[in-house]
Amino acid sequence: MGLDIVTGQADAIDLAREWGLIPFALIPFVALVLIASRAAPSGAPAGTLLETFRALRADNTAARLRIFIIGGAMIAFAPLLYVLLNQLVATGKMAPHEMHSAAFVLGGALGVSALWMIVKLVTRLAPESRHIDALIAQYEAA
């Protein structure tokens, strides 16, 4: 139960009417578990130069996987954000004009974040992956 510091009124969450809050709150934790179990960065490489290149390739692959996991979470967030904002309006906790503002700001933040991750994937991680693969192939051919 929350307390509004402006009005002093208690505001309880009714999960029967505001069920969208549960998956909306769980998505970041699911993404965190996926990143921790599948895309965690590895330690510092040690050994030969070829092992170092392979470790760099593994780190690049993990970074790309993190972007896909977070991107997937953002794709799941978008419709849930719409549901959650509509539920807030339906329960009287948000006015309809506030919903439009919140949708614009939060949707814009999701859009800008997605764009930033795409730019990072295309301009940094993909070329780096090709470069590392070329270095490994060159080293193995020699």
N, C-alpha and C. Protein backbone atom coordinates (compact mmCIF):
# COMPACT_ATOMS: atom_id res chain seq x y z
N MET A 1 0.85 -1.16 0.00
CA MET A 1 0.00 0.00 0.00
C MET A 1 0.90 1.23 0.00
N GLY A 2 0.64 2.13 -0.94
CA GLY A 2 1.43 3.34 -1.03
C GLY A 2 0.71 4.50 -0.39
N LEU A 3 1.45 5.51 -0.03
CA LEU A 3 0.89 6.72 0.57
C LEU A 3 1.26 7.89 -0.31
N ASP A 4 0.25 8.61 -0.76
CA ASP A 4 0.47 9.79 -1.59
C ASP A 4 0.95 10.92 -0.70
N ILE A 5 2.16 11.42 -0.94
CA ILE A 5 2.70 12.45 -0.06
C ILE A 5 2.04 13.81 -0.26
N VAL A 6 1.36 14.00 -1.36
CA VAL A 6 0.67 15.28 -1.60
C VAL A 6 -0.68 15.30 -0.89
N THR A 7 -1.47 14.24 -1.09
CA THR A 7 -2.82 14.21 -0.52
C THR A 7 -2.89 13.48 0.80
N GLY A 8 -1.92 12.63 1.10
CA GLY A 8 -1.94 11.86 2.34
C GLY A 8 -2.85 10.65 2.27
N GLN A 9 -3.38 10.32 1.10
CA GLN A 9 -4.30 9.19 0.96
C GLN A 9 -3.52 7.91 0.68
N ALA A 10 -4.04 6.83 1.26
CA ALA A 10 -3.45 5.51 1.01
C ALA A 10 -3.97 4.99 -0.33
N ASP A 11 -3.11 4.33 -1.08
CA ASP A 11 -3.46 3.85 -2.40
C ASP A 11 -3.06 2.38 -2.52
N ALA A 12 -4.02 1.48 -2.39
CA ALA A 12 -3.74 0.05 -2.45
C ALA A 12 -3.74 -0.42 -3.90
N ILE A 13 -2.93 -1.43 -4.17
CA ILE A 13 -2.88 -2.03 -5.50
C ILE A 13 -3.86 -3.20 -5.52
N ASP A 14 -4.79 -3.16 -6.45
CA ASP A 14 -5.76 -4.23 -6.64
C ASP A 14 -5.28 -5.08 -7.82
N LEU A 15 -4.67 -6.23 -7.51
CA LEU A 15 -4.08 -7.05 -8.56
C LEU A 15 -5.12 -7.66 -9.49
N ALA A 16 -6.37 -7.72 -9.07
CA ALA A 16 -7.41 -8.21 -9.97
C ALA A 16 -7.65 -7.22 -11.10
N ARG A 17 -7.48 -5.93 -10.82
CA ARG A 17 -7.70 -4.90 -11.83
C ARG A 17 -6.40 -4.34 -12.39
N GLU A 18 -5.29 -4.57 -11.69
CA GLU A 18 -4.00 -4.04 -12.13
C GLU A 18 -2.99 -5.18 -12.28
N TRP A 19 -3.42 -6.29 -12.89
CA TRP A 19 -2.58 -7.47 -13.04
C TRP A 19 -1.38 -7.21 -13.94
N GLY A 20 -1.44 -6.20 -14.81
CA GLY A 20 -0.34 -5.90 -15.72
C GLY A 20 0.94 -5.53 -15.00
N LEU A 21 0.80 -5.13 -13.74
CA LEU A 21 1.97 -4.75 -12.96
C LEU A 21 2.90 -5.95 -12.71
N ILE A 22 2.32 -7.13 -12.56
CA ILE A 22 3.15 -8.31 -12.24
C ILE A 22 4.09 -8.67 -13.38
N PRO A 23 3.60 -8.90 -14.60
CA PRO A 23 4.58 -9.21 -15.66
C PRO A 23 5.49 -8.03 -15.98
N PHE A 24 4.96 -6.81 -15.84
CA PHE A 24 5.77 -5.62 -16.10
C PHE A 24 6.95 -5.55 -15.13
N ALA A 25 6.72 -5.95 -13.88
CA ALA A 25 7.78 -5.93 -12.88
C ALA A 25 8.71 -7.14 -13.00
N LEU A 26 8.20 -8.25 -13.53
CA LEU A 26 9.02 -9.47 -13.62
C LEU A 26 9.96 -9.49 -14.82
N ILE A 27 9.63 -8.77 -15.88
CA ILE A 27 10.44 -8.80 -17.09
C ILE A 27 11.91 -8.44 -16.83
N PRO A 28 12.21 -7.38 -16.08
CA PRO A 28 13.63 -7.09 -15.83
C PRO A 28 14.36 -8.20 -15.08
N PHE A 29 13.66 -8.88 -14.18
CA PHE A 29 14.31 -9.96 -13.44
C PHE A 29 14.56 -11.17 -14.33
N VAL A 30 13.63 -11.46 -15.22
CA VAL A 30 13.83 -12.55 -16.18
C VAL A 30 15.03 -12.22 -17.08
N ALA A 31 15.08 -10.98 -17.56
CA ALA A 31 16.21 -10.57 -18.40
C ALA A 31 17.52 -10.66 -17.63
N LEU A 32 17.51 -10.27 -16.36
CA LEU A 32 18.72 -10.35 -15.54
C LEU A 32 19.19 -11.79 -15.38
N VAL A 33 18.26 -12.71 -15.14
CA VAL A 33 18.62 -14.12 -14.99
C VAL A 33 19.17 -14.67 -16.30
N LEU A 34 18.53 -14.32 -17.42
CA LEU A 34 19.03 -14.78 -18.72
C LEU A 34 20.43 -14.23 -19.00
N ILE A 35 20.65 -12.97 -18.71
CA ILE A 35 21.97 -12.38 -18.94
C ILE A 35 23.00 -13.03 -18.03
N ALA A 36 22.65 -13.22 -16.76
CA ALA A 36 23.61 -13.81 -15.82
C ALA A 36 23.94 -15.25 -16.18
N SER A 37 22.96 -15.99 -16.71
CA SER A 37 23.21 -17.40 -17.00
C SER A 37 23.78 -17.66 -18.39
N ARG A 38 23.48 -16.78 -19.36
CA ARG A 38 23.89 -17.07 -20.74
C ARG A 38 24.80 -16.03 -21.36
N ALA A 39 24.80 -14.82 -20.85
CA ALA A 39 25.54 -13.77 -21.54
C ALA A 39 26.43 -12.96 -20.60
N ALA A 40 26.88 -13.59 -19.55
CA ALA A 40 27.77 -12.89 -18.63
C ALA A 40 29.15 -12.74 -19.26
N PRO A 41 29.78 -11.59 -19.07
CA PRO A 41 31.13 -11.43 -19.62
C PRO A 41 32.11 -12.40 -18.94
N SER A 42 33.06 -12.88 -19.71
CA SER A 42 34.04 -13.80 -19.14
C SER A 42 35.19 -13.02 -18.53
N GLY A 43 36.05 -13.73 -17.86
CA GLY A 43 37.20 -13.10 -17.23
C GLY A 43 38.26 -12.71 -18.25
N ALA A 44 39.34 -12.19 -17.77
CA ALA A 44 40.44 -11.78 -18.64
C ALA A 44 41.07 -13.01 -19.30
N PRO A 45 41.31 -12.91 -20.60
CA PRO A 45 41.90 -14.06 -21.29
C PRO A 45 43.36 -14.26 -20.87
N ALA A 46 43.74 -15.52 -20.84
CA ALA A 46 45.13 -15.86 -20.50
C ALA A 46 45.56 -16.98 -21.43
N GLY A 47 46.79 -16.97 -21.79
CA GLY A 47 47.31 -18.03 -22.65
C GLY A 47 47.84 -17.49 -23.95
N THR A 48 47.67 -18.28 -25.00
CA THR A 48 48.21 -17.92 -26.30
C THR A 48 47.39 -16.81 -26.95
N LEU A 49 47.92 -16.29 -28.02
CA LEU A 49 47.23 -15.24 -28.76
C LEU A 49 45.92 -15.78 -29.35
N LEU A 50 45.93 -17.00 -29.84
CA LEU A 50 44.72 -17.60 -30.39
C LEU A 50 43.63 -17.74 -29.31
N GLU A 51 44.02 -18.14 -28.11
CA GLU A 51 43.06 -18.23 -27.00
C GLU A 51 42.50 -16.85 -26.65
N THR A 52 43.34 -15.83 -26.74
CA THR A 52 42.88 -14.47 -26.48
C THR A 52 41.87 -14.03 -27.53
N PHE A 53 42.14 -14.32 -28.79
CA PHE A 53 41.19 -13.99 -29.86
C PHE A 53 39.85 -14.72 -29.65
N ARG A 54 39.94 -15.98 -29.26
CA ARG A 54 38.70 -16.75 -29.02
C ARG A 54 37.93 -16.19 -27.83
N ALA A 55 38.64 -15.75 -26.81
CA ALA A 55 37.98 -15.14 -25.66
C ALA A 55 37.32 -13.82 -26.06
N LEU A 56 37.99 -13.05 -26.92
CA LEU A 56 37.39 -11.80 -27.42
C LEU A 56 36.13 -12.09 -28.24
N ARG A 57 36.18 -13.16 -29.04
CA ARG A 57 35.00 -13.54 -29.82
C ARG A 57 33.86 -13.95 -28.88
N ALA A 58 34.17 -14.68 -27.82
CA ALA A 58 33.14 -15.09 -26.86
C ALA A 58 32.54 -13.87 -26.16
N ASP A 59 33.37 -12.90 -25.82
CA ASP A 59 32.86 -11.67 -25.19
C ASP A 59 31.98 -10.89 -26.16
N ASN A 60 32.37 -10.84 -27.42
CA ASN A 60 31.56 -10.14 -28.42
C ASN A 60 30.22 -10.85 -28.61
N THR A 61 30.25 -12.17 -28.64
CA THR A 61 29.01 -12.94 -28.77
C THR A 61 28.11 -12.72 -27.56
N ALA A 62 28.70 -12.67 -26.38
CA ALA A 62 27.93 -12.41 -25.16
C ALA A 62 27.32 -11.01 -25.18
N ALA A 63 28.06 -10.03 -25.67
CA ALA A 63 27.54 -8.65 -25.75
C ALA A 63 26.37 -8.58 -26.74
N ARG A 64 26.49 -9.28 -27.86
CA ARG A 64 25.38 -9.29 -28.83
C ARG A 64 24.17 -10.01 -28.24
N LEU A 65 24.39 -11.08 -27.50
CA LEU A 65 23.29 -11.80 -26.86
C LEU A 65 22.60 -10.91 -25.81
N ARG A 66 23.39 -10.14 -25.06
CA ARG A 66 22.79 -9.21 -24.09
C ARG A 66 21.88 -8.21 -24.78
N ILE A 67 22.31 -7.71 -25.93
CA ILE A 67 21.48 -6.76 -26.67
C ILE A 67 20.18 -7.43 -27.12
N PHE A 68 20.25 -8.68 -27.58
CA PHE A 68 19.03 -9.38 -28.01
C PHE A 68 18.11 -9.67 -26.83
N ILE A 69 18.67 -10.02 -25.68
CA ILE A 69 17.84 -10.28 -24.49
C ILE A 69 17.14 -8.99 -24.05
N ILE A 70 17.89 -7.91 -23.96
CA ILE A 70 17.28 -6.64 -23.55
C ILE A 70 16.29 -6.16 -24.60
N GLY A 71 16.60 -6.35 -25.87
CA GLY A 71 15.66 -5.99 -26.93
C GLY A 71 14.37 -6.79 -26.83
N GLY A 72 14.49 -8.08 -26.54
CA GLY A 72 13.31 -8.91 -26.34
C GLY A 72 12.48 -8.44 -25.16
N ALA A 73 13.16 -8.05 -24.09
CA ALA A 73 12.44 -7.52 -22.93
C ALA A 73 11.71 -6.23 -23.29
N MET A 74 12.34 -5.41 -24.10
CA MET A 74 11.70 -4.15 -24.51
C MET A 74 10.49 -4.42 -25.40
N ILE A 75 10.58 -5.43 -26.25
CA ILE A 75 9.43 -5.80 -27.09
C ILE A 75 8.28 -6.28 -26.21
N ALA A 76 8.60 -7.01 -25.14
CA ALA A 76 7.56 -7.45 -24.21
C ALA A 76 7.01 -6.28 -23.39
N PHE A 77 7.86 -5.30 -23.09
CA PHE A 77 7.44 -4.13 -22.33
C PHE A 77 6.40 -3.29 -23.06
N ALA A 78 6.55 -3.14 -24.35
CA ALA A 78 5.70 -2.21 -25.10
C ALA A 78 4.21 -2.51 -24.95
N PRO A 79 3.74 -3.72 -25.26
CA PRO A 79 2.30 -3.96 -25.07
C PRO A 79 1.88 -3.95 -23.60
N LEU A 80 2.78 -4.41 -22.71
CA LEU A 80 2.44 -4.38 -21.29
C LEU A 80 2.34 -2.95 -20.77
N LEU A 81 3.15 -2.06 -21.32
CA LEU A 81 3.05 -0.65 -20.94
C LEU A 81 1.68 -0.10 -21.32
N TYR A 82 1.20 -0.46 -22.50
CA TYR A 82 -0.12 -0.03 -22.96
C TYR A 82 -1.21 -0.58 -22.02
N VAL A 83 -1.10 -1.87 -21.69
CA VAL A 83 -2.07 -2.49 -20.78
C VAL A 83 -2.03 -1.83 -19.42
N LEU A 84 -0.85 -1.64 -18.90
CA LEU A 84 -0.68 -1.06 -17.56
C LEU A 84 -1.22 0.37 -17.49
N LEU A 85 -0.94 1.17 -18.49
CA LEU A 85 -1.45 2.54 -18.49
C LEU A 85 -2.97 2.56 -18.58
N ASN A 86 -3.54 1.68 -19.38
CA ASN A 86 -5.00 1.59 -19.46
C ASN A 86 -5.60 1.12 -18.13
N GLN A 87 -4.93 0.22 -17.45
CA GLN A 87 -5.41 -0.23 -16.15
C GLN A 87 -5.36 0.90 -15.13
N LEU A 88 -4.34 1.72 -15.18
CA LEU A 88 -4.25 2.87 -14.27
C LEU A 88 -5.38 3.86 -14.52
N VAL A 89 -5.72 4.07 -15.78
CA VAL A 89 -6.84 4.96 -16.11
C VAL A 89 -8.15 4.32 -15.63
N ALA A 90 -8.31 3.02 -15.86
CA ALA A 90 -9.55 2.33 -15.48
C ALA A 90 -9.77 2.33 -13.97
N THR A 91 -8.70 2.30 -13.19
CA THR A 91 -8.84 2.31 -11.73
C THR A 91 -8.89 3.72 -11.17
N GLY A 92 -8.78 4.72 -12.02
CA GLY A 92 -8.86 6.10 -11.56
C GLY A 92 -7.56 6.64 -10.99
N LYS A 93 -6.48 5.95 -11.18
CA LYS A 93 -5.18 6.39 -10.65
C LYS A 93 -4.44 7.31 -11.61
N MET A 94 -4.98 7.42 -12.83
CA MET A 94 -4.36 8.27 -13.84
C MET A 94 -5.46 8.82 -14.74
N ALA A 95 -5.36 10.09 -15.04
CA ALA A 95 -6.31 10.71 -15.96
C ALA A 95 -5.95 10.33 -17.39
N PRO A 96 -6.94 10.29 -18.30
CA PRO A 96 -6.64 9.92 -19.69
C PRO A 96 -5.59 10.80 -20.35
N HIS A 97 -5.60 12.11 -20.07
CA HIS A 97 -4.59 12.96 -20.69
C HIS A 97 -3.20 12.68 -20.12
N GLU A 98 -3.15 12.24 -18.87
CA GLU A 98 -1.86 11.84 -18.29
C GLU A 98 -1.35 10.55 -18.93
N MET A 99 -2.30 9.67 -19.30
CA MET A 99 -1.92 8.41 -19.94
C MET A 99 -1.22 8.69 -21.27
N HIS A 100 -1.74 9.65 -22.02
CA HIS A 100 -1.13 9.97 -23.31
C HIS A 100 0.28 10.53 -23.10
N SER A 101 0.44 11.38 -22.10
CA SER A 101 1.77 11.92 -21.81
C SER A 101 2.72 10.82 -21.37
N ALA A 102 2.25 9.94 -20.48
CA ALA A 102 3.10 8.84 -20.00
C ALA A 102 3.46 7.90 -21.13
N ALA A 103 2.49 7.61 -22.00
CA ALA A 103 2.77 6.73 -23.14
C ALA A 103 3.80 7.36 -24.06
N PHE A 104 3.70 8.65 -24.28
CA PHE A 104 4.65 9.35 -25.14
C PHE A 104 6.06 9.32 -24.52
N VAL A 105 6.16 9.63 -23.25
CA VAL A 105 7.48 9.68 -22.60
C VAL A 105 8.08 8.28 -22.47
N LEU A 106 7.30 7.34 -21.94
CA LEU A 106 7.84 5.99 -21.72
C LEU A 106 8.05 5.25 -23.04
N GLY A 107 7.11 5.41 -23.97
CA GLY A 107 7.29 4.81 -25.28
C GLY A 107 8.47 5.41 -26.01
N GLY A 108 8.64 6.71 -25.87
CA GLY A 108 9.80 7.37 -26.47
C GLY A 108 11.11 6.87 -25.88
N ALA A 109 11.11 6.67 -24.57
CA ALA A 109 12.32 6.14 -23.92
C ALA A 109 12.63 4.73 -24.43
N LEU A 110 11.61 3.90 -24.58
CA LEU A 110 11.82 2.56 -25.13
C LEU A 110 12.35 2.65 -26.56
N GLY A 111 11.77 3.54 -27.35
CA GLY A 111 12.20 3.69 -28.74
C GLY A 111 13.63 4.18 -28.86
N VAL A 112 14.00 5.18 -28.07
CA VAL A 112 15.37 5.70 -28.11
C VAL A 112 16.36 4.64 -27.64
N SER A 113 15.99 3.90 -26.60
CA SER A 113 16.88 2.84 -26.11
C SER A 113 17.06 1.76 -27.15
N ALA A 114 15.97 1.38 -27.82
CA ALA A 114 16.07 0.36 -28.86
C ALA A 114 16.95 0.85 -30.00
N LEU A 115 16.77 2.10 -30.39
CA LEU A 115 17.58 2.67 -31.46
C LEU A 115 19.06 2.67 -31.07
N TRP A 116 19.36 3.04 -29.84
CA TRP A 116 20.74 3.07 -29.37
C TRP A 116 21.35 1.67 -29.41
N MET A 117 20.60 0.66 -29.01
CA MET A 117 21.14 -0.70 -29.03
C MET A 117 21.35 -1.19 -30.45
N ILE A 118 20.45 -0.84 -31.36
CA ILE A 118 20.62 -1.22 -32.77
C ILE A 118 21.86 -0.57 -33.35
N VAL A 119 22.05 0.71 -33.05
CA VAL A 119 23.23 1.43 -33.54
C VAL A 119 24.50 0.78 -33.00
N LYS A 120 24.50 0.44 -31.71
CA LYS A 120 25.67 -0.20 -31.11
C LYS A 120 25.94 -1.56 -31.76
N LEU A 121 24.88 -2.31 -32.01
CA LEU A 121 25.04 -3.63 -32.62
C LEU A 121 25.60 -3.52 -34.04
N VAL A 122 25.06 -2.60 -34.82
CA VAL A 122 25.44 -2.48 -36.23
C VAL A 122 26.79 -1.80 -36.41
N THR A 123 27.06 -0.76 -35.63
CA THR A 123 28.27 0.02 -35.85
C THR A 123 29.48 -0.45 -35.06
N ARG A 124 29.25 -1.18 -33.96
CA ARG A 124 30.39 -1.57 -33.14
C ARG A 124 30.56 -3.07 -33.03
N LEU A 125 29.51 -3.77 -32.60
CA LEU A 125 29.67 -5.18 -32.29
C LEU A 125 29.78 -6.07 -33.53
N ALA A 126 28.97 -5.82 -34.55
CA ALA A 126 29.05 -6.64 -35.76
C ALA A 126 30.39 -6.47 -36.48
N PRO A 127 30.87 -5.23 -36.70
CA PRO A 127 32.20 -5.11 -37.32
C PRO A 127 33.32 -5.70 -36.46
N GLU A 128 33.20 -5.54 -35.16
CA GLU A 128 34.21 -6.11 -34.27
C GLU A 128 34.22 -7.63 -34.38
N SER A 129 33.05 -8.24 -34.48
CA SER A 129 32.94 -9.69 -34.62
C SER A 129 33.59 -10.16 -35.92
N ARG A 130 33.31 -9.46 -37.01
CA ARG A 130 33.93 -9.83 -38.30
C ARG A 130 35.45 -9.68 -38.23
N HIS A 131 35.92 -8.64 -37.57
CA HIS A 131 37.37 -8.41 -37.45
C HIS A 131 38.02 -9.52 -36.62
N ILE A 132 37.40 -9.88 -35.53
CA ILE A 132 37.96 -10.94 -34.68
C ILE A 132 37.95 -12.28 -35.42
N ASP A 133 36.86 -12.57 -36.14
CA ASP A 133 36.81 -13.81 -36.92
C ASP A 133 37.91 -13.83 -37.98
N ALA A 134 38.15 -12.68 -38.62
CA ALA A 134 39.22 -12.61 -39.62
C ALA A 134 40.58 -12.82 -38.98
N LEU A 135 40.80 -12.27 -37.79
CA LEU A 135 42.07 -12.46 -37.10
C LEU A 135 42.27 -13.92 -36.72
N ILE A 136 41.21 -14.57 -36.26
CA ILE A 136 41.31 -15.99 -35.90
C ILE A 136 41.61 -16.83 -37.13
N ALA A 137 40.91 -16.55 -38.24
CA ALA A 137 41.16 -17.30 -39.47
C ALA A 137 42.58 -17.09 -39.98
N GLN A 138 43.06 -15.87 -39.90
CA GLN A 138 44.42 -15.55 -40.34
C GLN A 138 45.44 -16.26 -39.47
N TYR A 139 45.20 -16.26 -38.16
CA TYR A 139 46.14 -16.90 -37.23
C TYR A 139 46.15 -18.41 -37.43
N GLU A 140 44.96 -19.00 -37.66
CA GLU A 140 44.90 -20.45 -37.85
C GLU A 140 45.50 -20.88 -39.18
N ALA A 141 45.44 -19.99 -40.20
CA ALA A 141 45.99 -20.32 -41.52
C ALA A 141 47.52 -20.27 -41.51
N ALA A 142 48.06 -19.51 -40.59
CA ALA A 142 49.52 -19.36 -40.55
C ALA A 142 50.22 -20.48 -39.84
